[in-house]
Amino acid sequence: MYKIGLLNNISEKGLSLFTEQYEYGADISEPDGILVRSKEMKDLSLPSSVLAIARAGAGVNNIPIDKCSEKGIVVFNTPGANANGVKELVVLGMLLASRKVTEGISWAKGLVGEGDKVPDLIEKGKSKFGGTEIMGKKLGVIGLGAIGTMVANTAEGLGMEVWGYDPFMSIEAAWRLSRNTKRAASLDKLLAECDFISLHAPLNKDTRGSINAIKFAVMKKGAVILNFARRELVNTADLQKAMSDGIVSCYVTDFPDEELIKMDRCIAIPHLGASTEESEENCAIMAAMQLMDFLENGNIKNSVNFPESFLDRSGYQRLTVSNQNSPGMIEKITHLLAESKLNIADMLNKSKGNTAYNIIDIDGSITADLTRKLRSIEGVIAIRLL
């Protein structure tokens, strides 16, 4: 029986995938796995029983990744599961920045009590809310992952000229991206050319505050910035100056804070990118499936701290070993197996940064004594028998 702890409300579409082998709930003690959405976990004490954490969403800023890696806990996320929901909100953001729709609605609502005069007042006052169309404008997409690619393709369908920039673009994303998207030779080239700039880069030490005074200096005057990735990608103080200087005409973000909501030309959306029934269901389904495959088979898909690892089951006993990515580890593990006269039927070895992961199918049975010896190898983080 596998035990799954729930730290947030998780869609029933995902929970319904768990078979009779699983028990899940908010009050599970000593869980094998944890399902979480936005619950802050950095100050939580994780039970020693936890083998994996699955985040029903893409961002994992609420999970202590380094601590998990040290303990051999695999952390999954669900990239792309909420991509369509975010993409649609980005398109809405472009429209809201181009057409004074929200201002017009608020003004129209203020005409309550004018009675029969309302239609005439509407016709006389609507000129205050004129805008521009997005068709024919240039959109620059920074980061061409699951969401960025969908934004680029949809914008092209709306008649926009799309530019893309992503020095780490995957082959999979390249296949999905429309061939009409123009590849920007550099980030500065994209910023100088585009009327709209949509951010879809991950947040890390290199991207934090990367949209700053230096980048605003090369940006096309009057540009609209859409940030549906992470608030910290943009330097707020530099943004405010760029807006006062007329470089940025509007900033649309799904991650407002107190400084941003005070800015007149900031459209602050309260983190609604993935707040659709479909996104929550897709994330829950993907998270549950990844967690089950890991617990039952040792396979890893969409982990942020462990390498992608998949090996078909072939009826043999399966051994998984997590270890520090240092020379000689495979030799030490296989030497112990050979000493015990155990044949390796199949094997997979993968690494990611400082962490390595091995799936080894054994023709025979691993004893408790051999398990103890494997655990005692210097550099081994965790082992499992499946």
Protein backbone atom coordinates (compact mmCIF):
# COMPACT_ATOMS: atom_id res chain seq x y z
CA MET A 1 0.00 0.00 0.00
CA TYR A 2 1.36 3.40 -1.02
CA LYS A 3 0.42 6.46 1.04
CA ILE A 4 -0.03 9.88 -0.60
CA GLY A 5 -0.22 13.07 1.44
CA LEU A 6 -2.25 15.96 0.03
CA LEU A 7 -1.08 19.46 0.98
CA ASN A 8 -3.72 21.24 -1.15
CA ASN A 9 -7.06 20.45 -2.69
CA ILE A 10 -6.29 18.30 -5.73
CA SER A 11 -8.71 17.75 -8.61
CA GLU A 12 -10.70 14.52 -8.35
CA LYS A 13 -9.74 13.80 -11.96
CA GLY A 14 -6.20 13.21 -10.74
CA LEU A 15 -7.06 11.46 -7.47
CA SER A 16 -9.36 9.05 -9.28
CA LEU A 17 -6.31 7.54 -11.03
CA PHE A 18 -5.01 6.06 -7.77
CA THR A 19 -5.75 2.33 -7.58
CA GLU A 20 -6.53 0.12 -4.60
CA GLN A 21 -2.80 0.10 -3.84
CA TYR A 22 -3.05 3.73 -2.75
CA GLU A 23 -4.32 5.59 0.29
CA TYR A 24 -4.45 9.38 0.09
CA GLY A 25 -5.59 12.30 2.19
CA ALA A 26 -4.61 15.45 4.03
CA ASP A 27 -3.87 13.65 7.30
CA ILE A 28 -1.70 10.79 6.05
CA SER A 29 1.16 9.96 8.39
CA GLU A 30 4.49 8.79 6.94
CA PRO A 31 3.49 9.26 3.28
CA ASP A 32 5.49 7.72 0.43
CA GLY A 33 4.58 10.61 -1.83
CA ILE A 34 3.19 14.13 -1.55
CA LEU A 35 0.87 15.97 -3.93
CA VAL A 36 1.02 19.76 -3.66
CA ARG A 37 -0.02 22.87 -5.53
CA SER A 38 0.89 26.21 -3.93
CA LYS A 39 1.39 25.21 -0.27
CA GLU A 40 4.66 26.61 1.06
CA MET A 41 6.86 23.64 1.98
CA LYS A 42 10.22 25.23 2.74
CA ASP A 43 9.62 25.32 6.49
CA LEU A 44 7.87 21.94 6.67
CA SER A 45 9.58 18.99 8.30
CA LEU A 46 9.44 16.19 5.74
CA PRO A 47 8.94 12.68 7.14
CA SER A 48 11.76 10.23 6.37
CA SER A 49 9.21 8.08 4.52
CA VAL A 50 8.81 10.60 1.67
CA LEU A 51 10.23 9.33 -1.63
CA ALA A 52 8.76 11.88 -4.03
CA ILE A 53 6.87 15.17 -4.23
CA ALA A 54 4.66 15.97 -7.21
CA ARG A 55 3.75 19.62 -7.82
CA ALA A 56 0.48 20.03 -9.72
CA GLY A 57 1.82 22.98 -11.69
CA ALA A 58 5.04 24.15 -13.30
CA GLY A 59 6.61 26.40 -10.64
CA VAL A 60 8.40 24.73 -7.72
CA ASN A 61 9.48 27.82 -5.76
CA ASN A 62 7.45 26.58 -2.79
CA ILE A 63 9.43 23.32 -2.55
CA PRO A 64 12.88 23.00 -0.86
CA ILE A 65 14.62 21.48 -3.89
CA ASP A 66 18.14 21.33 -2.41
CA LYS A 67 16.93 19.67 0.78
CA CYS A 68 14.97 17.13 -1.26
CA SER A 69 17.98 16.33 -3.46
CA GLU A 70 20.16 15.72 -0.41
CA LYS A 71 17.60 13.20 0.88
CA GLY A 72 17.05 11.53 -2.48
CA ILE A 73 13.49 12.85 -2.76
CA VAL A 74 12.44 13.19 -6.39
CA VAL A 75 10.52 16.41 -7.13
CA PHE A 76 8.16 16.39 -10.09
CA ASN A 77 6.31 19.24 -11.78
CA THR A 78 3.80 19.29 -14.62
CA PRO A 79 5.15 21.50 -17.43
CA GLY A 80 2.63 22.17 -20.15
CA ALA A 81 -0.40 20.91 -18.24
CA ASN A 82 -1.67 24.45 -17.67
CA ALA A 83 -0.12 25.90 -20.84
CA ASN A 84 -3.37 26.58 -22.68
CA GLY A 85 -4.91 28.37 -19.69
CA VAL A 86 -1.88 30.66 -19.39
CA LYS A 87 -1.71 31.18 -23.16
CA GLU A 88 -5.32 32.38 -23.29
CA LEU A 89 -4.66 34.85 -20.45
CA VAL A 90 -1.59 36.20 -22.27
CA VAL A 91 -3.73 36.87 -25.34
CA LEU A 92 -6.30 38.57 -23.10
CA GLY A 93 -3.46 40.63 -21.59
CA MET A 94 -2.45 41.88 -25.04
CA LEU A 95 -6.04 42.87 -25.78
CA LEU A 96 -6.48 44.61 -22.42
CA ALA A 97 -3.28 46.58 -23.02
CA SER A 98 -4.39 47.57 -26.53
CA ARG A 99 -8.05 48.37 -25.94
CA LYS A 100 -9.26 50.36 -22.92
CA VAL A 101 -11.88 47.74 -22.16
CA THR A 102 -11.66 47.68 -18.36
CA GLU A 103 -11.68 51.48 -18.14
CA GLY A 104 -14.67 51.62 -20.48
CA ILE A 105 -16.60 49.05 -18.48
CA SER A 106 -15.98 50.93 -15.24
CA TRP A 107 -17.11 54.20 -16.85
CA ALA A 108 -20.25 52.59 -18.29
CA LYS A 109 -21.14 51.13 -14.89
CA GLY A 110 -20.92 54.64 -13.47
CA LEU A 111 -23.85 55.73 -15.64
CA VAL A 112 -26.33 53.87 -13.43
CA GLY A 113 -29.22 56.25 -12.64
CA GLU A 114 -29.06 58.16 -15.93
CA GLY A 115 -32.09 56.26 -17.27
CA ASP A 116 -32.96 56.87 -20.93
CA LYS A 117 -29.87 59.06 -21.36
CA VAL A 118 -27.51 56.07 -21.10
CA PRO A 119 -27.42 55.16 -24.85
CA ASP A 120 -26.67 58.76 -25.84
CA LEU A 121 -24.08 59.16 -23.10
CA ILE A 122 -22.40 55.95 -24.25
CA GLU A 123 -22.13 57.21 -27.82
CA LYS A 124 -20.77 60.58 -26.71
CA GLY A 125 -18.27 59.17 -24.23
CA LYS A 126 -16.90 56.12 -26.02
CA SER A 127 -14.23 58.14 -27.85
CA LYS A 128 -12.30 58.37 -24.57
CA PHE A 129 -11.61 54.65 -24.77
CA GLY A 130 -10.13 54.23 -28.22
CA GLY A 131 -7.27 51.82 -28.69
CA THR A 132 -5.22 49.91 -31.23
CA GLU A 133 -5.49 46.47 -32.80
CA ILE A 134 -2.92 43.74 -32.26
CA MET A 135 -3.13 42.48 -35.85
CA GLY A 136 0.05 43.44 -37.74
CA LYS A 137 1.96 44.25 -34.55
CA LYS A 138 5.22 42.53 -33.59
CA LEU A 139 5.22 40.15 -30.63
CA GLY A 140 8.50 39.03 -29.08
CA VAL A 141 8.32 35.80 -27.07
CA ILE A 142 11.19 35.26 -24.64
CA GLY A 143 11.32 31.58 -23.69
CA LEU A 144 9.89 29.03 -26.11
CA GLY A 145 8.82 26.23 -23.82
CA ALA A 146 5.32 24.79 -23.67
CA ILE A 147 3.57 28.11 -22.94
CA GLY A 148 5.80 30.38 -25.02
CA THR A 149 5.37 28.18 -28.08
CA MET A 150 1.58 28.16 -27.74
CA VAL A 151 1.55 31.96 -27.30
CA ALA A 152 3.70 32.38 -30.43
CA ASN A 153 1.52 30.10 -32.57
CA THR A 154 -1.74 31.68 -31.38
CA ALA A 155 -0.44 35.21 -31.94
CA GLU A 156 0.54 34.28 -35.48
CA GLY A 157 -3.00 33.04 -36.05
CA LEU A 158 -4.24 36.46 -34.92
CA GLY A 159 -2.18 38.15 -37.62
CA MET A 160 0.80 39.23 -35.53
CA GLU A 161 4.42 39.06 -36.64
CA VAL A 162 6.09 36.83 -34.07
CA TRP A 163 9.71 36.90 -32.99
CA GLY A 164 11.18 34.29 -30.64
CA TYR A 165 14.25 34.12 -28.45
CA ASP A 166 15.36 31.05 -26.49
CA PRO A 167 19.01 29.96 -26.47
CA PHE A 168 18.03 26.70 -24.72
CA MET A 169 15.07 25.72 -26.88
CA SER A 170 14.34 21.98 -26.87
CA ILE A 171 13.92 19.87 -29.99
CA GLU A 172 10.38 19.05 -28.90
CA ALA A 173 9.48 22.76 -28.66
CA ALA A 174 11.09 23.41 -32.05
CA TRP A 175 8.80 20.83 -33.64
CA ARG A 176 5.73 22.54 -32.14
CA LEU A 177 6.72 26.09 -33.08
CA SER A 178 5.37 27.57 -36.32
CA ARG A 179 8.05 27.88 -38.98
CA ASN A 180 6.89 31.46 -39.58
CA THR A 181 8.19 32.58 -36.19
CA LYS A 182 11.27 34.73 -36.70
CA ARG A 183 14.33 33.76 -34.71
CA ALA A 184 15.86 36.77 -32.98
CA ALA A 185 19.65 36.75 -33.22
CA SER A 186 19.84 38.23 -29.72
CA LEU A 187 17.59 39.35 -26.90
CA ASP A 188 18.47 43.00 -27.61
CA LYS A 189 17.39 42.60 -31.24
CA LEU A 190 13.99 41.27 -30.14
CA LEU A 191 13.52 44.07 -27.59
CA ALA A 192 14.38 46.72 -30.16
CA GLU A 193 11.94 45.39 -32.77
CA CYS A 194 8.81 44.28 -30.92
CA ASP A 195 5.68 46.15 -29.87
CA PHE A 196 4.71 43.46 -27.35
CA ILE A 197 7.15 41.42 -25.27
CA SER A 198 5.89 38.27 -23.54
CA LEU A 199 8.11 36.71 -20.87
CA HIS A 200 8.15 32.92 -20.49
CA ALA A 201 11.65 32.29 -19.17
CA PRO A 202 12.29 30.27 -15.99
CA LEU A 203 13.39 32.10 -12.85
CA ASN A 204 16.99 31.36 -11.90
CA LYS A 205 20.14 33.23 -10.90
CA ASP A 206 20.74 34.28 -14.51
CA THR A 207 17.21 35.50 -15.28
CA ARG A 208 16.32 37.18 -11.97
CA GLY A 209 15.95 40.91 -12.66
CA SER A 210 17.16 40.38 -16.23
CA ILE A 211 14.57 42.83 -17.62
CA ASN A 212 16.20 45.91 -16.17
CA ALA A 213 17.46 49.39 -17.02
CA ILE A 214 20.02 48.00 -19.47
CA LYS A 215 17.31 46.16 -21.42
CA PHE A 216 14.81 49.01 -21.20
CA ALA A 217 17.44 51.24 -22.83
CA VAL A 218 17.34 49.16 -26.04
CA MET A 219 13.59 48.51 -25.99
CA LYS A 220 11.25 49.91 -28.62
CA LYS A 221 9.53 53.04 -27.28
CA GLY A 222 5.94 52.41 -26.22
CA ALA A 223 6.37 48.64 -25.81
CA VAL A 224 3.92 46.52 -23.83
CA ILE A 225 5.47 43.94 -21.50
CA LEU A 226 3.51 40.85 -20.51
CA ASN A 227 4.86 38.87 -17.56
CA PHE A 228 3.03 35.60 -16.97
CA ALA A 229 6.21 33.76 -15.90
CA ARG A 230 7.59 35.13 -12.62
CA ARG A 231 7.47 38.59 -11.02
CA GLU A 232 11.19 38.57 -10.22
CA LEU A 233 12.21 38.49 -13.89
CA VAL A 234 11.56 42.24 -14.04
CA ASN A 235 13.32 44.87 -11.93
CA THR A 236 10.37 46.86 -10.53
CA ALA A 237 12.25 50.10 -9.87
CA ASP A 238 13.71 50.11 -13.39
CA LEU A 239 10.27 49.28 -14.81
CA GLN A 240 8.72 52.26 -13.05
CA LYS A 241 11.31 54.61 -14.54
CA ALA A 242 10.86 53.07 -18.00
CA MET A 243 7.12 53.67 -17.74
CA SER A 244 7.58 57.29 -16.65
CA ASP A 245 10.02 57.80 -19.56
CA GLY A 246 7.47 56.41 -22.04
CA ILE A 247 9.58 53.39 -22.97
CA VAL A 248 6.99 50.98 -21.57
CA SER A 249 3.41 51.99 -22.29
CA CYS A 250 1.80 49.20 -20.27
CA TYR A 251 2.89 46.35 -18.02
CA VAL A 252 0.60 43.34 -17.73
CA THR A 253 1.45 40.86 -15.01
CA ASP A 254 -0.07 37.85 -13.32
CA PHE A 255 2.20 38.41 -10.29
CA PRO A 256 1.32 41.78 -8.75
CA ASP A 257 2.76 43.15 -5.52
CA GLU A 258 2.11 46.38 -3.63
CA GLU A 259 4.46 48.44 -5.80
CA LEU A 260 2.98 47.17 -9.05
CA ILE A 261 -0.68 47.69 -8.15
CA LYS A 262 0.10 51.37 -7.47
CA MET A 263 1.33 51.93 -11.03
CA ASP A 264 -1.26 53.59 -13.27
CA ARG A 265 -0.35 51.69 -16.42
CA CYS A 266 0.07 48.30 -14.80
CA ILE A 267 -2.68 45.76 -15.42
CA ALA A 268 -2.42 43.57 -12.33
CA ILE A 269 -4.07 40.17 -12.72
CA PRO A 270 -4.29 38.17 -9.45
CA HIS A 271 -2.33 35.07 -10.58
CA LEU A 272 -5.11 33.57 -12.69
CA GLY A 273 -2.95 31.97 -15.38
CA ALA A 274 -3.71 28.39 -14.38
CA SER A 275 -7.03 29.11 -12.65
CA THR A 276 -9.23 27.14 -15.00
CA GLU A 277 -10.99 23.86 -14.36
CA GLU A 278 -9.15 22.32 -17.29
CA SER A 279 -5.69 23.40 -16.08
CA GLU A 280 -6.25 22.11 -12.56
CA GLU A 281 -7.50 18.78 -13.90
CA ASN A 282 -4.59 18.42 -16.35
CA CYS A 283 -2.02 19.24 -13.68
CA ALA A 284 -3.55 16.80 -11.18
CA ILE A 285 -3.70 14.00 -13.76
CA MET A 286 -0.08 14.49 -14.85
CA ALA A 287 1.19 14.78 -11.26
CA ALA A 288 -0.64 11.63 -10.15
CA MET A 289 0.56 9.59 -13.13
CA GLN A 290 4.20 10.64 -12.66
CA LEU A 291 4.04 9.86 -8.94
CA MET A 292 2.50 6.43 -9.53
CA ASP A 293 5.02 5.47 -12.20
CA PHE A 294 7.88 6.41 -9.89
CA LEU A 295 6.52 4.63 -6.83
CA GLU A 296 5.59 1.47 -8.73
CA ASN A 297 8.35 1.30 -11.36
CA GLY A 298 11.07 3.75 -10.36
CA ASN A 299 10.65 5.72 -13.60
CA ILE A 300 11.20 9.49 -13.55
CA LYS A 301 9.52 11.96 -15.90
CA ASN A 302 9.45 15.76 -15.51
CA SER A 303 11.63 15.98 -12.42
CA VAL A 304 13.34 19.24 -11.57
CA ASN A 305 16.13 17.64 -9.53
CA PHE A 306 16.60 14.13 -10.97
CA PRO A 307 17.36 13.02 -14.53
CA GLU A 308 14.67 11.76 -16.90
CA SER A 309 14.81 7.97 -16.49
CA PHE A 310 12.57 5.31 -18.01
CA LEU A 311 13.05 1.56 -18.32
CA ASP A 312 10.30 -0.88 -19.27
CA ARG A 313 9.51 -3.55 -16.68
CA SER A 314 10.51 -7.04 -17.79
CA GLY A 315 9.46 -9.20 -14.84
CA TYR A 316 12.75 -8.99 -12.92
CA GLN A 317 13.34 -7.55 -9.48
CA ARG A 318 14.16 -3.87 -9.88
CA LEU A 319 16.79 -1.96 -7.94
CA THR A 320 16.99 1.83 -8.10
CA VAL A 321 19.99 3.72 -6.77
CA SER A 322 20.28 7.48 -6.27
CA ASN A 323 23.84 8.66 -5.79
CA GLN A 324 26.21 11.57 -6.07
CA ASN A 325 27.38 12.00 -9.64
CA SER A 326 31.00 11.04 -9.08
CA PRO A 327 33.38 8.68 -10.93
CA GLY A 328 33.40 4.98 -10.07
CA MET A 329 29.91 4.72 -8.60
CA ILE A 330 28.59 2.29 -11.24
CA GLU A 331 31.63 0.06 -10.79
CA LYS A 332 31.11 -0.11 -7.01
CA ILE A 333 27.42 -1.00 -7.38
CA THR A 334 27.90 -3.64 -10.07
CA HIS A 335 30.87 -5.14 -8.19
CA LEU A 336 28.65 -5.88 -5.19
CA LEU A 337 26.01 -7.40 -7.47
CA ALA A 338 28.64 -9.61 -9.12
CA GLU A 339 29.97 -10.69 -5.73
CA SER A 340 26.47 -11.90 -4.89
CA LYS A 341 26.38 -13.79 -8.22
CA LEU A 342 23.50 -11.68 -9.53
CA ASN A 343 23.16 -11.01 -13.23
CA ILE A 344 21.99 -7.64 -14.57
CA ALA A 345 19.12 -8.22 -17.00
CA ASP A 346 18.80 -4.55 -17.95
CA MET A 347 20.18 -1.27 -16.72
CA LEU A 348 19.83 2.49 -17.13
CA ASN A 349 22.18 5.14 -15.77
CA LYS A 350 21.38 8.87 -16.02
CA SER A 351 22.73 12.01 -14.41
CA LYS A 352 21.61 15.58 -13.84
CA GLY A 353 24.04 18.02 -12.30
CA ASN A 354 25.44 16.51 -9.11
CA THR A 355 22.84 13.72 -8.97
CA ALA A 356 22.86 10.35 -10.72
CA TYR A 357 20.10 7.77 -10.89
CA ASN A 358 20.25 4.10 -11.82
CA ILE A 359 17.53 1.59 -12.67
CA ILE A 360 18.85 -1.97 -12.55
CA ASP A 361 16.76 -5.07 -13.30
CA ILE A 362 18.23 -8.07 -11.51
CA ASP A 363 17.97 -11.74 -12.53
CA GLY A 364 17.70 -13.08 -8.97
CA SER A 365 16.84 -11.78 -5.51
CA ILE A 366 18.63 -9.10 -3.56
CA THR A 367 19.21 -10.06 0.07
CA ALA A 368 18.98 -7.81 3.10
CA ASP A 369 22.75 -8.10 3.55
CA LEU A 370 23.40 -6.92 -0.02
CA THR A 371 20.94 -4.07 0.49
CA ARG A 372 22.90 -2.99 3.55
CA LYS A 373 26.19 -3.11 1.60
CA LEU A 374 24.74 -1.05 -1.24
CA ARG A 375 23.51 1.59 1.17
CA SER A 376 26.93 1.79 2.77
CA ILE A 377 28.69 2.78 -0.46
CA GLU A 378 30.04 6.30 -0.03
CA GLY A 379 28.04 8.64 -2.25
CA VAL A 380 24.86 6.54 -2.34
CA ILE A 381 21.88 8.70 -1.35
CA ALA A 382 18.99 6.24 -1.51
CA ILE A 383 18.12 2.79 -2.83
CA ARG A 384 14.79 1.06 -3.46
CA LEU A 385 13.75 -2.51 -4.28
CA LEU A 386 10.70 -2.88 -6.49
